[in-house]
């Protein structure tokens, strides 16, 4: 059972992921922020938030990548590194899994239909969404997290 104190510690780590998504974060470093062992942190985070720390961090990175690609002016490679990913292939695969199209195809879309929408509203309507809950393969990722192989549900464009 997760205590309120544990939830507060998990929230500190999650807040760090939200703020420092572009930094090289791994499960042991996040666990230190939460004052927990890496294993306990991973289990508690998944129980509290429904996904692994790695999946949460990658969702934040893809969310930010979508904003940068909509804005234009950066290549997919530049966006990949700007959001903290170190492998263009892994970034493209995860982006396609979560968004439903490749980063290049997403960048090349006409995003003018959402130009009048405030960024906070666009963020909600373009948030990467996973279908099938938090089922994963449990395999280790390079940064100490675990990678999931869930299907992605494309997010509909913002309603004007």
C-alpha atoms as a PDB file:
ATOM      1  CA  UNK A   1       0.000   0.000   0.000  1.00  0.00           C
ATOM      2  CA  UNK A   2       1.276   3.475  -0.895  1.00  0.00           C
ATOM      3  CA  UNK A   3       1.269   6.015   1.923  1.00  0.00           C
ATOM      4  CA  UNK A   4       0.604   9.733   1.573  1.00  0.00           C
ATOM      5  CA  UNK A   5       4.282  10.343   2.295  1.00  0.00           C
ATOM      6  CA  UNK A   6       5.249   7.977  -0.548  1.00  0.00           C
ATOM      7  CA  UNK A   7       2.809   9.749  -2.879  1.00  0.00           C
ATOM      8  CA  UNK A   8       4.404  13.099  -2.036  1.00  0.00           C
ATOM      9  CA  UNK A   9       7.836  11.655  -2.808  1.00  0.00           C
ATOM     10  CA  UNK A  10       6.595  10.172  -6.082  1.00  0.00           C
ATOM     11  CA  UNK A  11       5.102  13.532  -6.985  1.00  0.00           C
ATOM     12  CA  UNK A  12       8.517  15.190  -6.494  1.00  0.00           C
ATOM     13  CA  UNK A  13      10.047  12.742  -8.961  1.00  0.00           C
ATOM     14  CA  UNK A  14       7.175  13.193 -11.416  1.00  0.00           C
ATOM     15  CA  UNK A  15       7.480  16.968 -11.150  1.00  0.00           C
ATOM     16  CA  UNK A  16      11.199  16.642 -11.908  1.00  0.00           C
ATOM     17  CA  UNK A  17      10.355  14.649 -15.051  1.00  0.00           C
ATOM     18  CA  UNK A  18       7.873  17.349 -16.086  1.00  0.00           C
ATOM     19  CA  UNK A  19      10.454  20.117 -15.594  1.00  0.00           C
ATOM     20  CA  UNK A  20      13.673  18.420 -16.692  1.00  0.00           C
ATOM     21  CA  UNK A  21      12.375  16.076 -19.412  1.00  0.00           C
ATOM     22  CA  UNK A  22      15.279  17.051 -21.696  1.00  0.00           C
ATOM     23  CA  UNK A  23      17.891  16.076 -19.094  1.00  0.00           C
ATOM     24  CA  UNK A  24      19.358  12.569 -18.927  1.00  0.00           C
ATOM     25  CA  UNK A  25      17.066  11.089 -16.269  1.00  0.00           C
ATOM     26  CA  UNK A  26      17.092   7.456 -15.231  1.00  0.00           C
ATOM     27  CA  UNK A  27      15.191   5.409 -12.670  1.00  0.00           C
ATOM     28  CA  UNK A  28      18.004   5.356 -10.057  1.00  0.00           C
ATOM     29  CA  UNK A  29      18.293   9.175 -10.172  1.00  0.00           C
ATOM     30  CA  UNK A  30      14.516   9.604  -9.927  1.00  0.00           C
ATOM     31  CA  UNK A  31      14.396   7.096  -7.072  1.00  0.00           C
ATOM     32  CA  UNK A  32      16.968   9.185  -5.187  1.00  0.00           C
ATOM     33  CA  UNK A  33      14.723  12.238  -5.573  1.00  0.00           C
ATOM     34  CA  UNK A  34      11.859  10.186  -4.131  1.00  0.00           C
ATOM     35  CA  UNK A  35      14.110   8.825  -1.346  1.00  0.00           C
ATOM     36  CA  UNK A  36      13.336   5.234  -2.390  1.00  0.00           C
ATOM     37  CA  UNK A  37      15.193   2.265  -3.813  1.00  0.00           C
ATOM     38  CA  UNK A  38      14.957   1.996  -7.604  1.00  0.00           C
ATOM     39  CA  UNK A  39      12.778  -1.121  -7.448  1.00  0.00           C
ATOM     40  CA  UNK A  40      10.391   0.280  -4.866  1.00  0.00           C
ATOM     41  CA  UNK A  41      10.217   3.565  -6.781  1.00  0.00           C
ATOM     42  CA  UNK A  42       9.350   1.834 -10.071  1.00  0.00           C
ATOM     43  CA  UNK A  43       6.668  -0.355  -8.499  1.00  0.00           C
ATOM     44  CA  UNK A  44       5.179   2.522  -6.503  1.00  0.00           C
ATOM     45  CA  UNK A  45       5.214   4.901  -9.477  1.00  0.00           C
ATOM     46  CA  UNK A  46       3.425   2.379 -11.678  1.00  0.00           C
ATOM     47  CA  UNK A  47       0.863   1.670  -8.965  1.00  0.00           C
ATOM     48  CA  UNK A  48       0.227   5.389  -8.407  1.00  0.00           C
ATOM     49  CA  UNK A  49       0.254   6.650 -12.001  1.00  0.00           C
ATOM     50  CA  UNK A  50      -0.608   3.588 -14.101  1.00  0.00           C
ATOM     51  CA  UNK A  51       2.616   3.570 -16.113  1.00  0.00           C
ATOM     52  CA  UNK A  52       6.315   3.109 -15.575  1.00  0.00           C
ATOM     53  CA  UNK A  53       8.567   6.110 -14.912  1.00  0.00           C
ATOM     54  CA  UNK A  54      10.227   5.553 -18.288  1.00  0.00           C
ATOM     55  CA  UNK A  55       6.886   5.580 -20.122  1.00  0.00           C
ATOM     56  CA  UNK A  56       5.803   8.719 -18.281  1.00  0.00           C
ATOM     57  CA  UNK A  57       9.054  10.486 -19.174  1.00  0.00           C
ATOM     58  CA  UNK A  58       8.821   9.450 -22.824  1.00  0.00           C
ATOM     59  CA  UNK A  59       5.244  10.695 -23.005  1.00  0.00           C
ATOM     60  CA  UNK A  60       6.380  14.093 -21.728  1.00  0.00           C
ATOM     61  CA  UNK A  61       9.208  14.128 -24.275  1.00  0.00           C
ATOM     62  CA  UNK A  62       6.881  13.233 -27.150  1.00  0.00           C
ATOM     63  CA  UNK A  63       4.388  15.846 -25.972  1.00  0.00           C
ATOM     64  CA  UNK A  64       7.105  18.515 -26.131  1.00  0.00           C
ATOM     65  CA  UNK A  65       8.371  17.168 -29.464  1.00  0.00           C
ATOM     66  CA  UNK A  66       4.891  17.583 -30.934  1.00  0.00           C
ATOM     67  CA  UNK A  67       4.865  21.245 -29.891  1.00  0.00           C
ATOM     68  CA  UNK A  68       8.297  21.837 -31.429  1.00  0.00           C
ATOM     69  CA  UNK A  69       7.323  20.076 -34.656  1.00  0.00           C
ATOM     70  CA  UNK A  70       4.072  22.084 -34.886  1.00  0.00           C
ATOM     71  CA  UNK A  71       6.025  25.313 -34.457  1.00  0.00           C
ATOM     72  CA  UNK A  72       8.378  24.363 -37.300  1.00  0.00           C
ATOM     73  CA  UNK A  73      11.892  25.585 -37.927  1.00  0.00           C
ATOM     74  CA  UNK A  74      13.605  22.472 -36.523  1.00  0.00           C
ATOM     75  CA  UNK A  75      14.487  19.179 -38.142  1.00  0.00           C
ATOM     76  CA  UNK A  76      13.263  15.942 -36.624  1.00  0.00           C
ATOM     77  CA  UNK A  77      16.821  15.213 -35.489  1.00  0.00           C
ATOM     78  CA  UNK A  78      17.088  18.598 -33.748  1.00  0.00           C
ATOM     79  CA  UNK A  79      13.751  18.014 -32.013  1.00  0.00           C
ATOM     80  CA  UNK A  80      14.834  14.530 -30.951  1.00  0.00           C
ATOM     81  CA  UNK A  81      17.906  15.873 -29.155  1.00  0.00           C
ATOM     82  CA  UNK A  82      16.110  18.982 -27.851  1.00  0.00           C
ATOM     83  CA  UNK A  83      13.660  16.835 -25.891  1.00  0.00           C
ATOM     84  CA  UNK A  84      16.370  14.656 -24.351  1.00  0.00           C
ATOM     85  CA  UNK A  85      16.323  11.595 -26.578  1.00  0.00           C
ATOM     86  CA  UNK A  86      19.696  10.233 -27.637  1.00  0.00           C
ATOM     87  CA  UNK A  87      18.625   7.890 -30.439  1.00  0.00           C
ATOM     88  CA  UNK A  88      16.757   9.176 -33.478  1.00  0.00           C
ATOM     89  CA  UNK A  89      15.524   5.670 -34.283  1.00  0.00           C
ATOM     90  CA  UNK A  90      14.104   5.085 -30.789  1.00  0.00           C
ATOM     91  CA  UNK A  91      12.590   8.568 -30.763  1.00  0.00           C
ATOM     92  CA  UNK A  92      10.916   8.038 -34.144  1.00  0.00           C
ATOM     93  CA  UNK A  93       9.609   4.609 -33.142  1.00  0.00           C
ATOM     94  CA  UNK A  94       8.155   5.860 -29.855  1.00  0.00           C
ATOM     95  CA  UNK A  95       6.719   8.986 -31.520  1.00  0.00           C
ATOM     96  CA  UNK A  96       5.006   6.871 -34.180  1.00  0.00           C
ATOM     97  CA  UNK A  97       3.738   4.438 -31.526  1.00  0.00           C
ATOM     98  CA  UNK A  98       2.182   7.205 -29.423  1.00  0.00           C
ATOM     99  CA  UNK A  99       1.038   9.667 -32.091  1.00  0.00           C
ATOM    100  CA  UNK A 100       0.111   7.339 -34.930  1.00  0.00           C
ATOM    101  CA  UNK A 101       2.301   9.025 -37.558  1.00  0.00           C
ATOM    102  CA  UNK A 102       6.035   9.524 -37.955  1.00  0.00           C
ATOM    103  CA  UNK A 103       7.641  12.736 -36.658  1.00  0.00           C
ATOM    104  CA  UNK A 104       8.278  13.868 -40.253  1.00  0.00           C
ATOM    105  CA  UNK A 105       4.656  13.286 -41.250  1.00  0.00           C
ATOM    106  CA  UNK A 106       3.473  15.106 -38.129  1.00  0.00           C
ATOM    107  CA  UNK A 107       5.785  18.062 -38.843  1.00  0.00           C
ATOM    108  CA  UNK A 108       4.582  18.240 -42.459  1.00  0.00           C
ATOM    109  CA  UNK A 109       0.891  18.377 -41.477  1.00  0.00           C
ATOM    110  CA  UNK A 110      -0.974  21.655 -41.748  1.00  0.00           C
ATOM    111  CA  UNK A 111      -1.302  22.815 -38.143  1.00  0.00           C
ATOM    112  CA  UNK A 112      -2.823  26.178 -39.085  1.00  0.00           C
ATOM    113  CA  UNK A 113      -6.310  25.011 -38.048  1.00  0.00           C
ATOM    114  CA  UNK A 114      -5.175  25.173 -34.415  1.00  0.00           C
ATOM    115  CA  UNK A 115      -3.316  28.486 -34.671  1.00  0.00           C
ATOM    116  CA  UNK A 116      -6.029  30.391 -32.776  1.00  0.00           C
ATOM    117  CA  UNK A 117      -6.176  27.872 -29.927  1.00  0.00           C
ATOM    118  CA  UNK A 118      -4.271  28.714 -26.722  1.00  0.00           C
ATOM    119  CA  UNK A 119      -1.230  26.487 -26.125  1.00  0.00           C
ATOM    120  CA  UNK A 120      -2.722  25.059 -22.916  1.00  0.00           C
ATOM    121  CA  UNK A 121      -5.813  23.867 -24.808  1.00  0.00           C
ATOM    122  CA  UNK A 122      -3.771  22.522 -27.735  1.00  0.00           C
ATOM    123  CA  UNK A 123      -1.629  20.568 -25.264  1.00  0.00           C
ATOM    124  CA  UNK A 124      -4.686  18.764 -23.886  1.00  0.00           C
ATOM    125  CA  UNK A 125      -6.047  17.929 -27.344  1.00  0.00           C
ATOM    126  CA  UNK A 126      -2.694  16.771 -28.719  1.00  0.00           C
ATOM    127  CA  UNK A 127      -1.471  14.807 -25.660  1.00  0.00           C
ATOM    128  CA  UNK A 128      -0.130  11.390 -26.664  1.00  0.00           C
ATOM    129  CA  UNK A 129      -2.613   8.705 -25.612  1.00  0.00           C
ATOM    130  CA  UNK A 130      -1.977   5.025 -25.040  1.00  0.00           C
ATOM    131  CA  UNK A 131      -4.732   2.494 -25.425  1.00  0.00           C
ATOM    132  CA  UNK A 132      -4.864  -0.777 -23.550  1.00  0.00           C
ATOM    133  CA  UNK A 133      -3.950   0.557 -20.112  1.00  0.00           C
ATOM    134  CA  UNK A 134      -0.480   0.106 -18.724  1.00  0.00           C
ATOM    135  CA  UNK A 135       0.379  -3.343 -19.998  1.00  0.00           C
ATOM    136  CA  UNK A 136       3.999  -3.693 -21.003  1.00  0.00           C
ATOM    137  CA  UNK A 137       6.644  -6.222 -21.740  1.00  0.00           C
ATOM    138  CA  UNK A 138       8.608  -5.300 -18.618  1.00  0.00           C
ATOM    139  CA  UNK A 139      11.909  -5.381 -20.491  1.00  0.00           C
ATOM    140  CA  UNK A 140      14.662  -3.086 -19.330  1.00  0.00           C
ATOM    141  CA  UNK A 141      15.342   0.129 -21.181  1.00  0.00           C
ATOM    142  CA  UNK A 142      18.763   1.684 -21.527  1.00  0.00           C
ATOM    143  CA  UNK A 143      18.029   4.270 -18.863  1.00  0.00           C
ATOM    144  CA  UNK A 144      16.888   1.785 -16.229  1.00  0.00           C
ATOM    145  CA  UNK A 145      13.151   1.995 -16.908  1.00  0.00           C
ATOM    146  CA  UNK A 146      11.001  -0.489 -18.741  1.00  0.00           C
ATOM    147  CA  UNK A 147       9.619  -0.247 -22.244  1.00  0.00           C
ATOM    148  CA  UNK A 148       5.996  -0.961 -23.154  1.00  0.00           C
ATOM    149  CA  UNK A 149       4.707  -2.253 -26.454  1.00  0.00           C
ATOM    150  CA  UNK A 150       1.173  -0.883 -26.278  1.00  0.00           C
ATOM    151  CA  UNK A 151      -0.840   0.255 -29.250  1.00  0.00           C
ATOM    152  CA  UNK A 152      -1.235   3.988 -29.709  1.00  0.00           C
ATOM    153  CA  UNK A 153      -4.516   5.690 -30.409  1.00  0.00           C
ATOM    154  CA  UNK A 154      -4.103   8.716 -32.670  1.00  0.00           C
ATOM    155  CA  UNK A 155      -5.314  11.874 -31.011  1.00  0.00           C
ATOM    156  CA  UNK A 156      -7.945  13.815 -32.940  1.00  0.00           C
ATOM    157  CA  UNK A 157      -7.071  17.376 -33.940  1.00  0.00           C
ATOM    158  CA  UNK A 158      -8.265  20.209 -31.708  1.00  0.00           C
ATOM    159  CA  UNK A 159     -11.869  21.231 -32.177  1.00  0.00           C
ATOM    160  CA  UNK A 160     -12.165  24.830 -33.303  1.00  0.00           C
END
